Amino acid sequence: MSHTLGIRQAQKQKTRQALLDAALELLADQSLSSLGLREVTRAVGVAPTAFYRHFDSTADLGVALVEEALGSLHAMIRDQLTATWDSDERIARTVELIVRHVAAHPAHVRFLARERFGGVQPVREAIGAQLAQFVDEVRDALALEPESAGWNEEDLSMLARLYVDHMMQTAAELLTTPPEDLPRVADLAERQLRLITLGGRHWLDGA
């Protein structure tokens, strides 16, 4: 009996992932608000009613895509931020991580870039919540640096938010960057992050 349940559970998970993958492919050329569940189920080869065994709505599917796109990044970003490197090395390695992630998961990055300010509120909120967690992680890393001595949490959060926003902008830009231009864009992103960090610290120290 347990073996049969295990097979059913595995098949259910397989169908759920197939729906996510099909939706992501269909979203390459459209927004989530225009995506129909029948399009998704047709691409997978299941009945429309099967969709509701896995998701309450296309918005619910979109929230699952957000988790798939960003959830696994937290541990990697946290490792980069808490490693015992100086600020320049940390920024360089963070940009390298972004470049690798965009190359490996362009469809996820495209989905996030489009839906971050899109028309599906639960998805916007899910992306916002994930990015807020990134802001907290960057803030906590900045707080450990000697240069941040005397700053309050609000100041650190403001600088961390600029940092995260720039990472998102860089990821979106990399989507349309020809391979031969990737080193130039990555170098520019590093310099901009350094300026954000240096400029933010200078402003806060003088505030």
C-alpha atoms as a PDB file:
ATOM      1  CA  MET A   1       0.000   0.000   0.000  1.00  0.00           C
ATOM      2  CA  SER A   2       2.737   2.459   0.950  1.00  0.00           C
ATOM      3  CA  HIS A   3       4.562   1.577  -2.290  1.00  0.00           C
ATOM      4  CA  THR A   4       1.452   2.441  -4.303  1.00  0.00           C
ATOM      5  CA  LEU A   5       1.065   5.734  -2.428  1.00  0.00           C
ATOM      6  CA  GLY A   6       4.707   6.488  -3.114  1.00  0.00           C
ATOM      7  CA  ILE A   7       4.218   5.934  -6.849  1.00  0.00           C
ATOM      8  CA  ARG A   8       1.127   8.144  -6.863  1.00  0.00           C
ATOM      9  CA  GLN A   9       2.925  10.889  -4.964  1.00  0.00           C
ATOM     10  CA  ALA A  10       5.865  10.738  -7.371  1.00  0.00           C
ATOM     11  CA  GLN A  11       3.507  10.948 -10.353  1.00  0.00           C
ATOM     12  CA  LYS A  12       1.672  13.876  -8.783  1.00  0.00           C
ATOM     13  CA  GLN A  13       4.950  15.718  -8.230  1.00  0.00           C
ATOM     14  CA  LYS A  14       5.997  14.936 -11.807  1.00  0.00           C
ATOM     15  CA  THR A  15       2.749  16.411 -13.180  1.00  0.00           C
ATOM     16  CA  ARG A  16       3.069  19.465 -10.960  1.00  0.00           C
ATOM     17  CA  GLN A  17       6.593  20.109 -12.211  1.00  0.00           C
ATOM     18  CA  ALA A  18       5.462  19.589 -15.796  1.00  0.00           C
ATOM     19  CA  LEU A  19       2.798  22.277 -15.302  1.00  0.00           C
ATOM     20  CA  LEU A  20       5.390  24.665 -13.887  1.00  0.00           C
ATOM     21  CA  ASP A  21       7.798  23.971 -16.745  1.00  0.00           C
ATOM     22  CA  ALA A  22       5.091  24.389 -19.389  1.00  0.00           C
ATOM     23  CA  ALA A  23       3.887  27.644 -17.862  1.00  0.00           C
ATOM     24  CA  LEU A  24       7.418  29.017 -17.736  1.00  0.00           C
ATOM     25  CA  GLU A  25       7.922  28.207 -21.405  1.00  0.00           C
ATOM     26  CA  LEU A  26       4.607  29.805 -22.364  1.00  0.00           C
ATOM     27  CA  LEU A  27       5.501  32.909 -20.344  1.00  0.00           C
ATOM     28  CA  ALA A  28       8.513  33.594 -22.540  1.00  0.00           C
ATOM     29  CA  ASP A  29       6.293  35.754 -24.775  1.00  0.00           C
ATOM     30  CA  GLN A  30       3.423  36.820 -22.526  1.00  0.00           C
ATOM     31  CA  SER A  31       2.610  37.984 -19.025  1.00  0.00           C
ATOM     32  CA  LEU A  32       1.077  35.789 -16.354  1.00  0.00           C
ATOM     33  CA  SER A  33      -2.131  37.845 -16.417  1.00  0.00           C
ATOM     34  CA  SER A  34      -2.747  36.744 -20.019  1.00  0.00           C
ATOM     35  CA  LEU A  35      -1.870  33.078 -19.465  1.00  0.00           C
ATOM     36  CA  GLY A  36      -4.796  30.654 -19.507  1.00  0.00           C
ATOM     37  CA  LEU A  37      -4.736  27.429 -17.533  1.00  0.00           C
ATOM     38  CA  ARG A  38      -6.036  25.568 -20.615  1.00  0.00           C
ATOM     39  CA  GLU A  39      -2.873  26.627 -22.451  1.00  0.00           C
ATOM     40  CA  VAL A  40      -0.803  25.118 -19.683  1.00  0.00           C
ATOM     41  CA  THR A  41      -2.727  21.860 -19.393  1.00  0.00           C
ATOM     42  CA  ARG A  42      -2.801  21.451 -23.184  1.00  0.00           C
ATOM     43  CA  ALA A  43       0.989  21.775 -23.270  1.00  0.00           C
ATOM     44  CA  VAL A  44       1.332  19.078 -20.613  1.00  0.00           C
ATOM     45  CA  GLY A  45      -1.334  16.818 -22.088  1.00  0.00           C
ATOM     46  CA  VAL A  46      -3.661  16.682 -19.081  1.00  0.00           C
ATOM     47  CA  ALA A  47      -7.283  17.677 -18.604  1.00  0.00           C
ATOM     48  CA  PRO A  48      -7.957  21.239 -17.370  1.00  0.00           C
ATOM     49  CA  THR A  49      -9.503  19.815 -14.206  1.00  0.00           C
ATOM     50  CA  ALA A  50      -6.132  18.223 -13.384  1.00  0.00           C
ATOM     51  CA  PHE A  51      -4.663  21.694 -12.956  1.00  0.00           C
ATOM     52  CA  TYR A  52      -6.685  22.232  -9.779  1.00  0.00           C
ATOM     53  CA  ARG A  53      -5.174  19.186  -8.126  1.00  0.00           C
ATOM     54  CA  HIS A  54      -1.928  21.157  -7.979  1.00  0.00           C
ATOM     55  CA  PHE A  55      -2.758  24.879  -8.031  1.00  0.00           C
ATOM     56  CA  ASP A  56      -5.751  26.981  -7.027  1.00  0.00           C
ATOM     57  CA  SER A  57      -5.269  29.391  -9.933  1.00  0.00           C
ATOM     58  CA  THR A  58      -2.695  30.678 -12.405  1.00  0.00           C
ATOM     59  CA  ALA A  59      -1.747  33.219  -9.709  1.00  0.00           C
ATOM     60  CA  ASP A  60      -1.016  30.331  -7.346  1.00  0.00           C
ATOM     61  CA  LEU A  61       1.105  28.723 -10.063  1.00  0.00           C
ATOM     62  CA  GLY A  62       2.924  32.050 -10.474  1.00  0.00           C
ATOM     63  CA  VAL A  63       3.721  32.167  -6.760  1.00  0.00           C
ATOM     64  CA  ALA A  64       5.177  28.660  -7.054  1.00  0.00           C
ATOM     65  CA  LEU A  65       7.330  29.858  -9.952  1.00  0.00           C
ATOM     66  CA  VAL A  66       8.617  32.714  -7.795  1.00  0.00           C
ATOM     67  CA  GLU A  67       9.669  30.243  -5.112  1.00  0.00           C
ATOM     68  CA  GLU A  68      11.298  28.042  -7.733  1.00  0.00           C
ATOM     69  CA  ALA A  69      13.147  31.019  -9.224  1.00  0.00           C
ATOM     70  CA  LEU A  70      14.376  32.661  -6.035  1.00  0.00           C
ATOM     71  CA  GLY A  71      14.071  30.217  -3.164  1.00  0.00           C
ATOM     72  CA  SER A  72      17.276  28.300  -3.856  1.00  0.00           C
ATOM     73  CA  LEU A  73      19.273  31.508  -4.301  1.00  0.00           C
ATOM     74  CA  HIS A  74      19.116  32.539  -0.662  1.00  0.00           C
ATOM     75  CA  ALA A  75      21.677  30.037   0.578  1.00  0.00           C
ATOM     76  CA  MET A  76      24.092  30.895  -2.244  1.00  0.00           C
ATOM     77  CA  ILE A  77      23.745  34.659  -1.734  1.00  0.00           C
ATOM     78  CA  ARG A  78      24.130  34.226   2.021  1.00  0.00           C
ATOM     79  CA  ASP A  79      27.351  32.257   1.506  1.00  0.00           C
ATOM     80  CA  GLN A  80      28.731  35.011  -0.721  1.00  0.00           C
ATOM     81  CA  LEU A  81      27.838  37.750   1.728  1.00  0.00           C
ATOM     82  CA  THR A  82      29.164  36.071   4.857  1.00  0.00           C
ATOM     83  CA  ALA A  83      32.437  34.778   3.390  1.00  0.00           C
ATOM     84  CA  THR A  84      35.608  36.328   4.768  1.00  0.00           C
ATOM     85  CA  TRP A  85      36.387  38.428   1.695  1.00  0.00           C
ATOM     86  CA  ASP A  86      36.856  42.168   1.498  1.00  0.00           C
ATOM     87  CA  SER A  87      34.061  44.288   0.063  1.00  0.00           C
ATOM     88  CA  ASP A  88      35.455  44.373  -3.500  1.00  0.00           C
ATOM     89  CA  GLU A  89      35.904  40.592  -3.625  1.00  0.00           C
ATOM     90  CA  ARG A  90      32.413  40.037  -2.245  1.00  0.00           C
ATOM     91  CA  ILE A  91      30.901  42.309  -4.904  1.00  0.00           C
ATOM     92  CA  ALA A  92      32.876  40.611  -7.689  1.00  0.00           C
ATOM     93  CA  ARG A  93      31.771  37.154  -6.592  1.00  0.00           C
ATOM     94  CA  THR A  94      28.161  38.273  -6.197  1.00  0.00           C
ATOM     95  CA  VAL A  95      28.124  39.570  -9.771  1.00  0.00           C
ATOM     96  CA  GLU A  96      29.691  36.301 -10.949  1.00  0.00           C
ATOM     97  CA  LEU A  97      26.860  34.447  -9.220  1.00  0.00           C
ATOM     98  CA  ILE A  98      24.266  36.609 -10.975  1.00  0.00           C
ATOM     99  CA  VAL A  99      25.906  36.031 -14.369  1.00  0.00           C
ATOM    100  CA  ARG A 100      25.939  32.255 -13.826  1.00  0.00           C
ATOM    101  CA  HIS A 101      22.342  32.221 -12.598  1.00  0.00           C
ATOM    102  CA  VAL A 102      21.047  34.196 -15.589  1.00  0.00           C
ATOM    103  CA  ALA A 103      22.930  31.895 -17.973  1.00  0.00           C
ATOM    104  CA  ALA A 104      21.528  28.785 -16.268  1.00  0.00           C
ATOM    105  CA  HIS A 105      17.952  30.013 -15.699  1.00  0.00           C
ATOM    106  CA  PRO A 106      17.084  32.740 -18.243  1.00  0.00           C
ATOM    107  CA  ALA A 107      13.377  31.857 -18.305  1.00  0.00           C
ATOM    108  CA  HIS A 108      13.077  32.288 -14.531  1.00  0.00           C
ATOM    109  CA  VAL A 109      14.893  35.627 -14.630  1.00  0.00           C
ATOM    110  CA  ARG A 110      12.695  36.837 -17.498  1.00  0.00           C
ATOM    111  CA  PHE A 111       9.584  35.834 -15.563  1.00  0.00           C
ATOM    112  CA  LEU A 112      10.740  37.733 -12.461  1.00  0.00           C
ATOM    113  CA  ALA A 113      11.714  40.839 -14.412  1.00  0.00           C
ATOM    114  CA  ARG A 114       8.288  40.958 -16.093  1.00  0.00           C
ATOM    115  CA  GLU A 115       6.127  40.047 -13.108  1.00  0.00           C
ATOM    116  CA  ARG A 116       7.917  42.097 -10.441  1.00  0.00           C
ATOM    117  CA  PHE A 117       5.745  45.032 -11.452  1.00  0.00           C
ATOM    118  CA  GLY A 118       3.089  43.011 -13.294  1.00  0.00           C
ATOM    119  CA  GLY A 119      -0.644  42.837 -12.904  1.00  0.00           C
ATOM    120  CA  VAL A 120      -0.975  39.742 -10.704  1.00  0.00           C
ATOM    121  CA  GLN A 121      -0.936  40.969  -7.117  1.00  0.00           C
ATOM    122  CA  PRO A 122      -0.117  37.676  -5.296  1.00  0.00           C
ATOM    123  CA  VAL A 123       2.889  37.200  -7.580  1.00  0.00           C
ATOM    124  CA  ARG A 124       4.083  40.783  -7.105  1.00  0.00           C
ATOM    125  CA  GLU A 125       3.782  40.271  -3.359  1.00  0.00           C
ATOM    126  CA  ALA A 126       5.630  36.954  -3.497  1.00  0.00           C
ATOM    127  CA  ILE A 127       8.498  38.527  -5.435  1.00  0.00           C
ATOM    128  CA  GLY A 128       8.507  41.459  -3.018  1.00  0.00           C
ATOM    129  CA  ALA A 129       8.680  39.115  -0.039  1.00  0.00           C
ATOM    130  CA  GLN A 130      11.597  37.186  -1.519  1.00  0.00           C
ATOM    131  CA  LEU A 131      13.473  40.398  -2.333  1.00  0.00           C
ATOM    132  CA  ALA A 132      12.778  41.730   1.163  1.00  0.00           C
ATOM    133  CA  GLN A 133      14.448  38.604   2.515  1.00  0.00           C
ATOM    134  CA  PHE A 134      17.457  39.299   0.289  1.00  0.00           C
ATOM    135  CA  VAL A 135      17.539  42.865   1.646  1.00  0.00           C
ATOM    136  CA  ASP A 136      17.598  41.518   5.205  1.00  0.00           C
ATOM    137  CA  GLU A 137      20.448  39.154   4.326  1.00  0.00           C
ATOM    138  CA  VAL A 138      22.485  41.934   2.707  1.00  0.00           C
ATOM    139  CA  ARG A 139      21.751  44.236   5.640  1.00  0.00           C
ATOM    140  CA  ASP A 140      22.974  41.640   8.120  1.00  0.00           C
ATOM    141  CA  ALA A 141      26.172  41.170   6.108  1.00  0.00           C
ATOM    142  CA  LEU A 142      26.779  44.929   5.922  1.00  0.00           C
ATOM    143  CA  ALA A 143      26.291  45.194   9.682  1.00  0.00           C
ATOM    144  CA  LEU A 144      29.305  42.925  10.225  1.00  0.00           C
ATOM    145  CA  GLU A 145      31.668  45.211   8.313  1.00  0.00           C
ATOM    146  CA  PRO A 146      33.788  47.667  10.376  1.00  0.00           C
ATOM    147  CA  GLU A 147      32.792  50.512   8.037  1.00  0.00           C
ATOM    148  CA  SER A 148      29.193  50.141   9.202  1.00  0.00           C
ATOM    149  CA  ALA A 149      29.948  50.850  12.850  1.00  0.00           C
ATOM    150  CA  GLY A 150      27.435  53.290  14.295  1.00  0.00           C
ATOM    151  CA  TRP A 151      24.812  52.849  11.584  1.00  0.00           C
ATOM    152  CA  ASN A 152      21.290  51.996  12.595  1.00  0.00           C
ATOM    153  CA  GLU A 153      19.178  49.233  11.072  1.00  0.00           C
ATOM    154  CA  GLU A 154      17.163  51.620   8.917  1.00  0.00           C
ATOM    155  CA  ASP A 155      20.321  53.051   7.326  1.00  0.00           C
ATOM    156  CA  LEU A 156      21.697  49.600   6.616  1.00  0.00           C
ATOM    157  CA  SER A 157      18.376  48.453   5.152  1.00  0.00           C
ATOM    158  CA  MET A 158      18.280  51.450   2.809  1.00  0.00           C
ATOM    159  CA  LEU A 159      21.757  50.653   1.475  1.00  0.00           C
ATOM    160  CA  ALA A 160      20.907  46.939   1.227  1.00  0.00           C
ATOM    161  CA  ARG A 161      17.776  47.765  -0.777  1.00  0.00           C
ATOM    162  CA  LEU A 162      19.857  49.730  -3.301  1.00  0.00           C
ATOM    163  CA  TYR A 163      22.220  46.756  -3.519  1.00  0.00           C
ATOM    164  CA  VAL A 164      19.413  44.263  -4.183  1.00  0.00           C
ATOM    165  CA  ASP A 165      17.635  46.528  -6.674  1.00  0.00           C
ATOM    166  CA  HIS A 166      20.856  46.836  -8.644  1.00  0.00           C
ATOM    167  CA  MET A 167      21.329  43.063  -8.661  1.00  0.00           C
ATOM    168  CA  MET A 168      17.825  42.651 -10.110  1.00  0.00           C
ATOM    169  CA  GLN A 169      18.484  45.320 -12.752  1.00  0.00           C
ATOM    170  CA  THR A 170      21.762  43.646 -13.681  1.00  0.00           C
ATOM    171  CA  ALA A 171      20.070  40.258 -14.046  1.00  0.00           C
ATOM    172  CA  ALA A 172      17.409  41.762 -16.329  1.00  0.00           C
ATOM    173  CA  GLU A 173      20.061  43.513 -18.444  1.00  0.00           C
ATOM    174  CA  LEU A 174      22.083  40.314 -18.813  1.00  0.00           C
ATOM    175  CA  LEU A 175      19.088  38.625 -20.447  1.00  0.00           C
ATOM    176  CA  THR A 176      19.543  40.732 -23.583  1.00  0.00           C
ATOM    177  CA  THR A 177      23.329  40.993 -23.497  1.00  0.00           C
ATOM    178  CA  PRO A 178      25.202  39.229 -26.336  1.00  0.00           C
ATOM    179  CA  PRO A 179      27.758  36.682 -25.057  1.00  0.00           C
ATOM    180  CA  GLU A 180      30.680  38.762 -26.265  1.00  0.00           C
ATOM    181  CA  ASP A 181      29.485  41.708 -24.148  1.00  0.00           C
ATOM    182  CA  LEU A 182      29.010  39.776 -20.890  1.00  0.00           C
ATOM    183  CA  PRO A 183      32.456  40.662 -19.443  1.00  0.00           C
ATOM    184  CA  ARG A 184      31.838  44.361 -20.076  1.00  0.00           C
ATOM    185  CA  VAL A 185      28.371  44.318 -18.484  1.00  0.00           C
ATOM    186  CA  ALA A 186      29.625  42.300 -15.497  1.00  0.00           C
ATOM    187  CA  ASP A 187      32.520  44.716 -14.991  1.00  0.00           C
ATOM    188  CA  LEU A 188      30.151  47.677 -15.166  1.00  0.00           C
ATOM    189  CA  ALA A 189      27.812  46.016 -12.654  1.00  0.00           C
ATOM    190  CA  GLU A 190      30.719  45.518 -10.237  1.00  0.00           C
ATOM    191  CA  ARG A 191      31.785  49.152 -10.514  1.00  0.00           C
ATOM    192  CA  GLN A 192      28.223  50.348 -10.026  1.00  0.00           C
ATOM    193  CA  LEU A 193      27.774  48.170  -6.928  1.00  0.00           C
ATOM    194  CA  ARG A 194      31.006  49.563  -5.502  1.00  0.00           C
ATOM    195  CA  LEU A 195      29.783  53.095  -6.156  1.00  0.00           C
ATOM    196  CA  ILE A 196      26.424  52.313  -4.543  1.00  0.00           C
ATOM    197  CA  THR A 197      28.156  50.913  -1.468  1.00  0.00           C
ATOM    198  CA  LEU A 198      30.764  53.670  -1.253  1.00  0.00           C
ATOM    199  CA  GLY A 199      28.307  56.445  -2.026  1.00  0.00           C
ATOM    200  CA  GLY A 200      25.745  55.106   0.427  1.00  0.00           C
ATOM    201  CA  ARG A 201      28.333  54.875   3.169  1.00  0.00           C
ATOM    202  CA  HIS A 202      29.605  58.356   2.429  1.00  0.00           C
ATOM    203  CA  TRP A 203      26.098  59.778   2.543  1.00  0.00           C
ATOM    204  CA  LEU A 204      25.178  57.945   5.744  1.00  0.00           C
ATOM    205  CA  ASP A 205      28.421  58.903   7.474  1.00  0.00           C
ATOM    206  CA  GLY A 206      27.734  62.530   6.654  1.00  0.00           C
ATOM    207  CA  ALA A 207      24.018  62.444   7.456  1.00  0.00           C
END
